[in-house]
């Protein structure tokens, strides 16, 4: 019965690990058959170690190493894979402890001799069931917290994993003693305290994120004021030129009649400089026009190519799109300042309820990345590097996604958004 119980535990744990890796990570170039063989071999190795050389500490270390080794079949930073391996180990301990306590309460079986009872395979199946429940619950929490920065989410789950492991170890230690009730009370207090800390921590993150977005919105509003001021000045100049056009034509005619063509040429050249086209953008979308106008005016040395369609928005607000555009242009300008042939192309279009924003720019140097994150090239990386994170969060809020690629010294950032309700 022992070998059957070990088989159920190992196979069930490996299947759960496989499921989590498929959900969370991108697989490398391996076939499903090869991946399945690796997980089966790992299950056999775990059963053999438990059967031939059973030791609590050795079992824990062996499982963590096996779990982490299996994550090499997937493409993610090693820190994230190590965290998932440790998390699955903690969930397995949590499921085992919960299953044993459930069986003890239900059948009154002594936990010291649980592996020698005829019900051991059933107990192992119950433990794996608890582990599956905990695993699905954790995956749901991860999905709920996906809008938070991944590093912060990782810290939170490490804290939860350590807490869960400590509580199960505490309960199992005092299960057959008179201290079980105080241990349960202490565990409840620990859970409440940690939950309060996590709530305060995430609330502070929310406040900081809102402050960052507010600062960006204030900057866009300032750009909009500049845009309208420039638009007013341009209209005023047009009105002045229209008022003076009669006199200008009279002077031109006079120069022609007296044959002073050189003076006429200088006279016309002077007015030609005054009516040169400006960088003012007016596509009928104030916030987006303001961002484009401000960036183009501040960086006139960078050639801009704009392909902007008039958007018909119902749920999405212009400031939300302008927020993403401003961050994308800041990154593009930073890359162009280091390029021998700078350029920026902006495309904004709409197809039904789908809004697309694409920014292309010159990028002579490879972009810095860490996994699926872009890293800032500025010296003060602690004070910068939040632009892409904020844009990704805004895209997710708009039921969309942000992607990028770099090919032949051209960096392309693409954002798709859905103009639908929450």
Protein backbone atom coordinates (compact mmCIF):
# COMPACT_ATOMS: atom_id res chain seq x y z
CA UNK A 1 0.00 0.00 0.00
CA UNK A 2 2.91 2.34 0.66
CA UNK A 3 4.20 2.22 -2.91
CA UNK A 4 0.69 2.89 -4.25
CA UNK A 5 0.32 5.88 -1.94
CA UNK A 6 3.72 7.25 -2.97
CA UNK A 7 2.73 6.76 -6.63
CA UNK A 8 -0.52 8.73 -6.18
CA UNK A 9 1.28 11.54 -4.35
CA UNK A 10 4.18 11.86 -6.80
CA UNK A 11 2.12 11.57 -9.99
CA UNK A 12 -0.54 13.96 -8.71
CA UNK A 13 2.07 16.55 -7.69
CA UNK A 14 3.88 16.28 -11.04
CA UNK A 15 0.62 16.73 -12.95
CA UNK A 16 -0.17 19.85 -10.93
CA UNK A 17 3.34 21.21 -11.54
CA UNK A 18 2.97 20.54 -15.27
CA UNK A 19 -0.39 22.31 -15.28
CA UNK A 20 1.02 25.36 -13.48
CA UNK A 21 4.05 25.61 -15.77
CA UNK A 22 1.85 25.43 -18.86
CA UNK A 23 -0.37 28.18 -17.45
CA UNK A 24 2.37 30.51 -16.26
CA UNK A 25 5.37 29.96 -18.53
CA UNK A 26 6.14 29.79 -22.25
CA UNK A 27 7.43 26.32 -23.24
CA UNK A 28 10.79 25.94 -24.92
CA UNK A 29 11.19 24.08 -28.20
CA UNK A 30 10.31 20.66 -26.85
CA UNK A 31 7.60 18.28 -27.97
CA UNK A 32 4.78 17.36 -25.62
CA UNK A 33 6.08 13.78 -25.62
CA UNK A 34 9.53 14.88 -24.45
CA UNK A 35 8.06 17.12 -21.77
CA UNK A 36 5.76 14.33 -20.57
CA UNK A 37 8.71 11.91 -20.42
CA UNK A 38 10.63 14.36 -18.21
CA UNK A 39 7.72 14.67 -15.78
CA UNK A 40 7.22 10.87 -15.69
CA UNK A 41 10.94 10.36 -15.00
CA UNK A 42 10.77 12.97 -12.24
CA UNK A 43 7.79 11.18 -10.67
CA UNK A 44 9.65 7.84 -10.75
CA UNK A 45 12.73 9.48 -9.20
CA UNK A 46 10.61 10.99 -6.42
CA UNK A 47 8.92 7.64 -5.69
CA UNK A 48 12.27 5.83 -5.61
CA UNK A 49 13.81 8.33 -3.22
CA UNK A 50 10.81 8.20 -0.87
CA UNK A 51 10.60 4.39 -1.00
CA UNK A 52 14.31 3.58 -0.64
CA UNK A 53 15.60 6.39 1.55
CA UNK A 54 12.77 8.08 3.43
CA UNK A 55 13.74 11.18 5.37
CA UNK A 56 11.65 14.28 5.96
CA UNK A 57 14.37 16.82 5.22
CA UNK A 58 15.81 14.82 2.31
CA UNK A 59 12.33 14.46 0.79
CA UNK A 60 11.77 18.21 0.95
CA UNK A 61 15.13 19.04 -0.60
CA UNK A 62 14.71 16.40 -3.33
CA UNK A 63 11.25 17.64 -4.29
CA UNK A 64 12.36 21.27 -4.52
CA UNK A 65 15.34 20.33 -6.71
CA UNK A 66 13.15 18.14 -8.95
CA UNK A 67 10.48 20.84 -9.26
CA UNK A 68 13.07 23.48 -10.14
CA UNK A 69 14.81 21.19 -12.65
CA UNK A 70 11.51 20.61 -14.46
CA UNK A 71 10.96 24.36 -14.84
CA UNK A 72 14.01 24.46 -17.17
CA UNK A 73 11.66 23.06 -19.81
CA UNK A 74 10.09 26.52 -19.91
CA UNK A 75 11.38 29.97 -20.84
CA UNK A 76 11.26 32.40 -17.93
CA UNK A 77 13.79 34.11 -15.61
CA UNK A 78 15.24 31.63 -13.13
CA UNK A 79 13.96 33.63 -10.16
CA UNK A 80 10.34 33.20 -11.27
CA UNK A 81 10.84 29.51 -11.99
CA UNK A 82 12.48 28.95 -8.61
CA UNK A 83 9.60 30.74 -6.93
CA UNK A 84 7.02 28.55 -8.66
CA UNK A 85 9.00 25.41 -7.72
CA UNK A 86 9.09 26.49 -4.07
CA UNK A 87 5.43 27.52 -4.17
CA UNK A 88 4.37 24.11 -5.53
CA UNK A 89 6.42 22.43 -2.82
CA UNK A 90 4.69 24.51 -0.15
CA UNK A 91 1.29 23.71 -1.66
CA UNK A 92 2.15 20.02 -1.61
CA UNK A 93 3.06 20.28 2.09
CA UNK A 94 -0.09 22.28 2.68
CA UNK A 95 -2.21 19.69 0.89
CA UNK A 96 -0.54 16.81 2.74
CA UNK A 97 -1.06 18.47 6.12
CA UNK A 98 -4.67 19.38 5.35
CA UNK A 99 -5.44 15.85 4.11
CA UNK A 100 -3.90 14.21 7.16
CA UNK A 101 -5.73 16.51 9.56
CA UNK A 102 -8.99 15.88 7.67
CA UNK A 103 -8.51 12.11 7.95
CA UNK A 104 -7.58 12.34 11.63
CA UNK A 105 -10.69 14.37 12.43
CA UNK A 106 -12.90 12.12 10.31
CA UNK A 107 -11.51 8.66 11.19
CA UNK A 108 -9.33 9.26 14.25
CA UNK A 109 -6.24 7.68 12.61
CA UNK A 110 -2.90 8.19 14.36
CA UNK A 111 -0.76 10.32 12.03
CA UNK A 112 2.45 8.63 13.21
CA UNK A 113 1.46 5.34 11.53
CA UNK A 114 -0.56 6.76 8.64
CA UNK A 115 1.68 5.25 5.93
CA UNK A 116 1.17 1.74 7.34
CA UNK A 117 -2.64 1.74 7.27
CA UNK A 118 -4.68 0.10 4.53
CA UNK A 119 -6.28 3.49 3.86
CA UNK A 120 -2.92 5.09 3.00
CA UNK A 121 -3.62 5.32 -0.80
CA UNK A 122 -7.00 6.93 -0.10
CA UNK A 123 -5.36 9.36 2.32
CA UNK A 124 -2.78 10.24 -0.35
CA UNK A 125 -5.58 10.82 -2.86
CA UNK A 126 -7.29 13.16 -0.37
CA UNK A 127 -4.00 15.03 0.14
CA UNK A 128 -3.53 15.45 -3.62
CA UNK A 129 -7.12 16.70 -3.87
CA UNK A 130 -6.42 19.36 -1.25
CA UNK A 131 -3.22 20.27 -3.07
CA UNK A 132 -5.14 20.66 -6.35
CA UNK A 133 -7.68 22.92 -4.63
CA UNK A 134 -4.93 25.11 -3.16
CA UNK A 135 -3.09 25.23 -6.51
CA UNK A 136 -6.18 26.35 -8.44
CA UNK A 137 -6.91 28.93 -5.74
CA UNK A 138 -3.38 30.35 -5.99
CA UNK A 139 -3.58 30.50 -9.80
CA UNK A 140 -6.84 32.43 -9.51
CA UNK A 141 -5.20 34.88 -7.11
CA UNK A 142 -2.29 35.29 -9.54
CA UNK A 143 -4.74 36.06 -12.32
CA UNK A 144 -6.49 38.61 -10.11
CA UNK A 145 -3.23 40.32 -9.18
CA UNK A 146 -1.77 40.33 -12.70
CA UNK A 147 -2.21 44.11 -12.89
CA UNK A 148 0.32 44.58 -10.10
CA UNK A 149 4.02 44.71 -10.88
CA UNK A 150 5.33 41.14 -11.10
CA UNK A 151 8.11 41.72 -8.61
CA UNK A 152 5.66 42.93 -5.95
CA UNK A 153 3.31 40.03 -6.66
CA UNK A 154 6.20 37.60 -6.26
CA UNK A 155 7.10 39.05 -2.86
CA UNK A 156 3.48 38.76 -1.72
CA UNK A 157 3.22 35.13 -2.75
CA UNK A 158 6.55 34.26 -1.14
CA UNK A 159 5.18 35.74 2.06
CA UNK A 160 1.95 33.75 1.71
CA UNK A 161 3.90 30.56 0.94
CA UNK A 162 6.13 30.92 4.00
CA UNK A 163 3.09 31.67 6.16
CA UNK A 164 1.19 28.64 4.87
CA UNK A 165 4.18 26.35 5.39
CA UNK A 166 4.66 27.63 8.94
CA UNK A 167 0.99 27.20 9.82
CA UNK A 168 0.79 23.63 8.51
CA UNK A 169 4.01 22.72 10.30
CA UNK A 170 2.61 24.27 13.48
CA UNK A 171 -0.68 22.40 13.24
CA UNK A 172 0.92 19.06 12.44
CA UNK A 173 3.38 19.49 15.32
CA UNK A 174 0.62 20.08 17.89
CA UNK A 175 -2.04 17.85 16.30
CA UNK A 176 -1.86 15.15 18.99
CA UNK A 177 -1.30 17.48 21.95
CA UNK A 178 -3.38 19.71 24.16
CA UNK A 179 -1.90 22.74 22.37
CA UNK A 180 -3.90 22.21 19.17
CA UNK A 181 -6.59 24.79 20.01
CA UNK A 182 -4.05 27.51 20.96
CA UNK A 183 -2.12 26.66 17.78
CA UNK A 184 -5.28 27.15 15.71
CA UNK A 185 -5.94 30.49 17.40
CA UNK A 186 -2.33 31.58 16.85
CA UNK A 187 -2.55 30.56 13.19
CA UNK A 188 -5.73 32.60 12.73
CA UNK A 189 -4.07 35.64 14.29
CA UNK A 190 -1.02 35.22 12.06
CA UNK A 191 -3.22 35.01 8.97
CA UNK A 192 -5.12 38.14 10.02
CA UNK A 193 -1.89 40.06 10.68
CA UNK A 194 -0.28 39.06 7.38
CA UNK A 195 -3.50 39.82 5.49
CA UNK A 196 -3.60 43.28 7.05
CA UNK A 197 0.02 43.94 6.07
CA UNK A 198 -0.61 42.80 2.50
CA UNK A 199 -3.71 45.00 2.29
CA UNK A 200 -1.80 48.06 3.48
CA UNK A 201 1.07 47.26 1.14
CA UNK A 202 -1.14 46.87 -1.93
CA UNK A 203 -3.12 49.97 -0.96
CA UNK A 204 0.10 52.00 -0.89
CA UNK A 205 0.98 50.60 -4.32
CA UNK A 206 -2.43 51.65 -5.59
CA UNK A 207 -1.93 55.18 -4.23
CA UNK A 208 1.53 55.45 -5.83
CA UNK A 209 0.19 54.19 -9.16
CA UNK A 210 -2.66 56.70 -9.07
CA UNK A 211 -0.22 59.49 -8.25
CA UNK A 212 1.95 58.49 -11.21
CA UNK A 213 -1.05 58.45 -13.54
CA UNK A 214 -2.23 61.79 -12.14
CA UNK A 215 1.19 63.31 -12.80
CA UNK A 216 1.07 62.08 -16.40
CA UNK A 217 -2.47 63.44 -16.83
CA UNK A 218 -1.37 66.81 -15.45
CA UNK A 219 1.49 66.84 -17.94
CA UNK A 220 -0.93 66.07 -20.77
CA UNK A 221 -3.28 68.82 -19.60
CA UNK A 222 -0.35 71.22 -19.60
CA UNK A 223 0.47 70.09 -23.14
CA UNK A 224 -3.16 70.64 -24.09
CA UNK A 225 -3.02 74.20 -22.77
CA UNK A 226 0.13 74.79 -24.82
CA UNK A 227 -1.60 73.24 -27.81
CA UNK A 228 -4.62 75.54 -27.56
CA UNK A 229 -2.38 78.54 -26.94
CA UNK A 230 -0.38 77.70 -30.06
CA UNK A 231 -3.60 77.13 -31.99
CA UNK A 232 -4.92 80.51 -30.86
CA UNK A 233 -1.66 82.20 -31.83
CA UNK A 234 -1.69 80.48 -35.23
CA UNK A 235 -5.27 81.60 -35.87
CA UNK A 236 -4.37 85.12 -34.77
CA UNK A 237 -1.42 85.16 -37.16
CA UNK A 238 -3.66 83.96 -39.99
CA UNK A 239 -6.14 86.72 -39.20
CA UNK A 240 -3.36 89.31 -39.20
CA UNK A 241 -1.98 88.01 -42.49
CA UNK A 242 -5.45 88.02 -44.02
CA UNK A 243 -5.91 91.62 -42.87
CA UNK A 244 -2.55 92.61 -44.35
CA UNK A 245 -2.97 90.60 -47.54
CA UNK A 246 -4.53 93.57 -49.40
CA UNK A 247 -1.57 95.79 -48.63
CA UNK A 248 0.88 92.98 -49.40
CA UNK A 249 -0.62 92.49 -52.86
CA UNK A 250 -0.46 96.22 -53.52
CA UNK A 251 3.23 96.27 -52.60
CA UNK A 252 3.92 93.24 -54.81
CA UNK A 253 2.14 94.93 -57.71
CA UNK A 254 4.17 98.10 -57.15
CA UNK A 255 7.48 96.22 -57.20
CA UNK A 256 6.45 94.53 -60.44
CA UNK A 257 5.44 97.84 -62.10
CA UNK A 258 8.75 99.53 -61.33
CA UNK A 259 10.71 96.38 -62.21
CA UNK A 260 12.52 96.03 -58.84
CA UNK A 261 12.46 92.26 -58.87
CA UNK A 262 15.33 91.77 -56.38
CA UNK A 263 13.49 93.80 -53.75
CA UNK A 264 10.34 91.90 -54.61
CA UNK A 265 12.15 88.61 -54.07
CA UNK A 266 13.40 89.71 -50.61
CA UNK A 267 9.96 91.08 -49.75
CA UNK A 268 8.24 87.78 -50.66
CA UNK A 269 10.96 85.73 -48.89
CA UNK A 270 10.32 87.66 -45.68
CA UNK A 271 6.65 86.78 -45.72
CA UNK A 272 7.41 83.22 -46.76
CA UNK A 273 9.35 82.66 -43.53
CA UNK A 274 6.38 83.87 -41.50
CA UNK A 275 3.96 81.43 -43.10
CA UNK A 276 6.15 78.31 -42.83
CA UNK A 277 4.13 75.33 -41.56
CA UNK A 278 4.41 74.76 -37.81
CA UNK A 279 4.42 71.56 -35.80
CA UNK A 280 0.89 72.19 -34.61
CA UNK A 281 -1.30 69.08 -34.97
CA UNK A 282 -5.06 69.40 -35.19
CA UNK A 283 -6.85 66.12 -35.87
CA UNK A 284 -9.92 67.02 -33.85
CA UNK A 285 -8.75 65.05 -30.78
CA UNK A 286 -7.46 67.63 -28.27
CA UNK A 287 -5.54 65.39 -25.85
CA UNK A 288 -3.85 63.30 -28.56
CA UNK A 289 -3.13 66.41 -30.66
CA UNK A 290 -1.67 68.15 -27.64
CA UNK A 291 0.77 65.32 -26.92
CA UNK A 292 1.92 65.12 -30.55
CA UNK A 293 2.23 68.89 -30.92
CA UNK A 294 4.23 69.26 -27.70
CA UNK A 295 6.64 66.42 -28.45
CA UNK A 296 7.20 67.54 -32.04
CA UNK A 297 7.78 71.15 -31.00
CA UNK A 298 10.26 70.16 -28.27
CA UNK A 299 12.19 67.83 -30.61
CA UNK A 300 12.07 69.50 -33.99
CA UNK A 301 15.33 67.79 -34.97
CA UNK A 302 13.55 64.40 -35.10
CA UNK A 303 11.45 63.76 -38.24
CA UNK A 304 7.91 62.70 -37.35
CA UNK A 305 5.52 60.83 -39.64
CA UNK A 306 1.93 60.78 -38.40
CA UNK A 307 -0.93 58.66 -39.63
CA UNK A 308 -3.76 59.58 -37.28
CA UNK A 309 -7.36 58.53 -37.89
CA UNK A 310 -10.23 60.36 -36.22
CA UNK A 311 -11.41 58.02 -33.46
CA UNK A 312 -15.03 57.40 -32.54
CA UNK A 313 -14.84 56.54 -28.86
CA UNK A 314 -17.64 55.37 -26.59
CA UNK A 315 -16.04 53.85 -23.48
CA UNK A 316 -12.37 54.77 -23.85
CA UNK A 317 -11.43 58.34 -22.99
CA UNK A 318 -8.96 60.39 -25.01
CA UNK A 319 -6.70 61.03 -21.98
CA UNK A 320 -6.22 57.26 -21.60
CA UNK A 321 -4.92 56.91 -25.16
CA UNK A 322 -2.89 60.11 -24.81
CA UNK A 323 -1.36 58.68 -21.60
CA UNK A 324 -0.04 55.66 -23.52
CA UNK A 325 1.04 57.80 -26.49
CA UNK A 326 3.01 60.18 -24.27
CA UNK A 327 4.93 57.32 -22.66
CA UNK A 328 5.62 55.67 -26.02
CA UNK A 329 6.89 58.95 -27.51
CA UNK A 330 9.14 59.59 -24.51
CA UNK A 331 10.81 56.21 -25.03
CA UNK A 332 11.02 56.75 -28.79
CA UNK A 333 12.61 60.19 -28.37
CA UNK A 334 15.13 58.79 -25.89
CA UNK A 335 16.18 56.14 -28.44
CA UNK A 336 16.29 58.64 -31.33
CA UNK A 337 18.63 60.93 -29.40
CA UNK A 338 21.21 58.11 -29.58
CA UNK A 339 20.58 57.28 -33.25
CA UNK A 340 22.52 58.49 -36.30
CA UNK A 341 19.34 58.59 -38.41
CA UNK A 342 16.46 59.37 -36.06
CA UNK A 343 12.82 59.07 -37.04
CA UNK A 344 9.49 58.45 -35.36
CA UNK A 345 6.34 57.11 -37.02
CA UNK A 346 2.99 57.26 -35.24
CA UNK A 347 -0.05 55.34 -36.41
CA UNK A 348 -3.41 55.48 -34.66
CA UNK A 349 -6.33 53.66 -36.23
CA UNK A 350 -9.68 52.11 -35.45
CA UNK A 351 -11.47 49.06 -36.75
CA UNK A 352 -14.86 48.65 -35.16
CA UNK A 353 -14.33 48.69 -31.40
CA UNK A 354 -10.62 47.90 -31.71
CA UNK A 355 -8.17 50.80 -31.34
CA UNK A 356 -4.56 50.36 -32.45
CA UNK A 357 -1.62 52.58 -31.56
CA UNK A 358 1.76 51.87 -33.16
CA UNK A 359 4.94 53.88 -32.59
CA UNK A 360 8.07 53.07 -34.63
CA UNK A 361 11.41 54.71 -34.02
CA UNK A 362 15.08 54.37 -34.82
CA UNK A 363 16.96 52.21 -32.33
CA UNK A 364 20.65 51.75 -33.13
CA UNK A 365 21.30 49.97 -29.84
CA UNK A 366 19.48 46.80 -28.67
CA UNK A 367 16.81 47.47 -26.07
CA UNK A 368 17.45 46.31 -22.51
CA UNK A 369 15.03 43.68 -21.28
CA UNK A 370 14.51 41.42 -18.28
CA UNK A 371 12.16 38.62 -19.24
CA UNK A 372 9.14 40.33 -20.75
CA UNK A 373 9.96 43.74 -19.23
CA UNK A 374 11.71 46.70 -20.85
CA UNK A 375 14.43 48.33 -18.77
CA UNK A 376 15.30 52.01 -18.73
CA UNK A 377 18.66 53.14 -20.14
CA UNK A 378 18.84 56.13 -17.83
CA UNK A 379 21.48 56.22 -15.11
CA UNK A 380 18.96 56.72 -12.31
CA UNK A 381 17.06 53.48 -12.93
CA UNK A 382 15.31 53.68 -9.55
CA UNK A 383 13.61 56.94 -10.50
CA UNK A 384 12.80 55.83 -14.05
CA UNK A 385 11.60 52.72 -15.83
CA UNK A 386 7.95 53.04 -14.85
CA UNK A 387 6.72 54.24 -18.28
CA UNK A 388 6.27 50.83 -19.89
CA UNK A 389 4.75 49.41 -16.70
CA UNK A 390 2.21 52.22 -16.59
CA UNK A 391 1.41 51.81 -20.29
CA UNK A 392 0.93 48.06 -19.85
CA UNK A 393 -1.39 48.64 -16.90
CA UNK A 394 -3.41 51.19 -18.86
CA UNK A 395 -3.63 48.81 -21.86
CA UNK A 396 -4.89 46.02 -19.58
CA UNK A 397 -7.48 48.38 -18.09
CA UNK A 398 -8.69 49.01 -21.64
CA UNK A 399 -9.04 45.25 -22.29
CA UNK A 400 -5.98 45.28 -24.51
CA UNK A 401 -2.32 44.40 -24.60
CA UNK A 402 1.06 46.00 -25.24
CA UNK A 403 3.76 44.31 -27.33
CA UNK A 404 7.08 45.33 -28.83
CA UNK A 405 9.77 44.08 -31.19
CA UNK A 406 13.10 45.27 -32.58
CA UNK A 407 14.15 44.41 -36.12
CA UNK A 408 16.96 45.97 -38.18
CA UNK A 409 17.49 48.96 -35.86
CA UNK A 410 13.76 49.75 -35.81
CA UNK A 411 11.87 49.46 -32.54
CA UNK A 412 8.10 49.02 -32.78
CA UNK A 413 5.72 49.39 -29.86
CA UNK A 414 2.14 48.26 -30.51
CA UNK A 415 -0.88 48.71 -28.28
CA UNK A 416 -4.29 47.20 -28.98
CA UNK A 417 -7.29 48.44 -26.98
CA UNK A 418 -10.96 47.51 -27.01
CA UNK A 419 -13.54 50.27 -26.78
CA UNK A 420 -15.92 48.22 -24.66
CA UNK A 421 -17.38 48.48 -21.16
CA UNK A 422 -15.74 47.25 -17.99
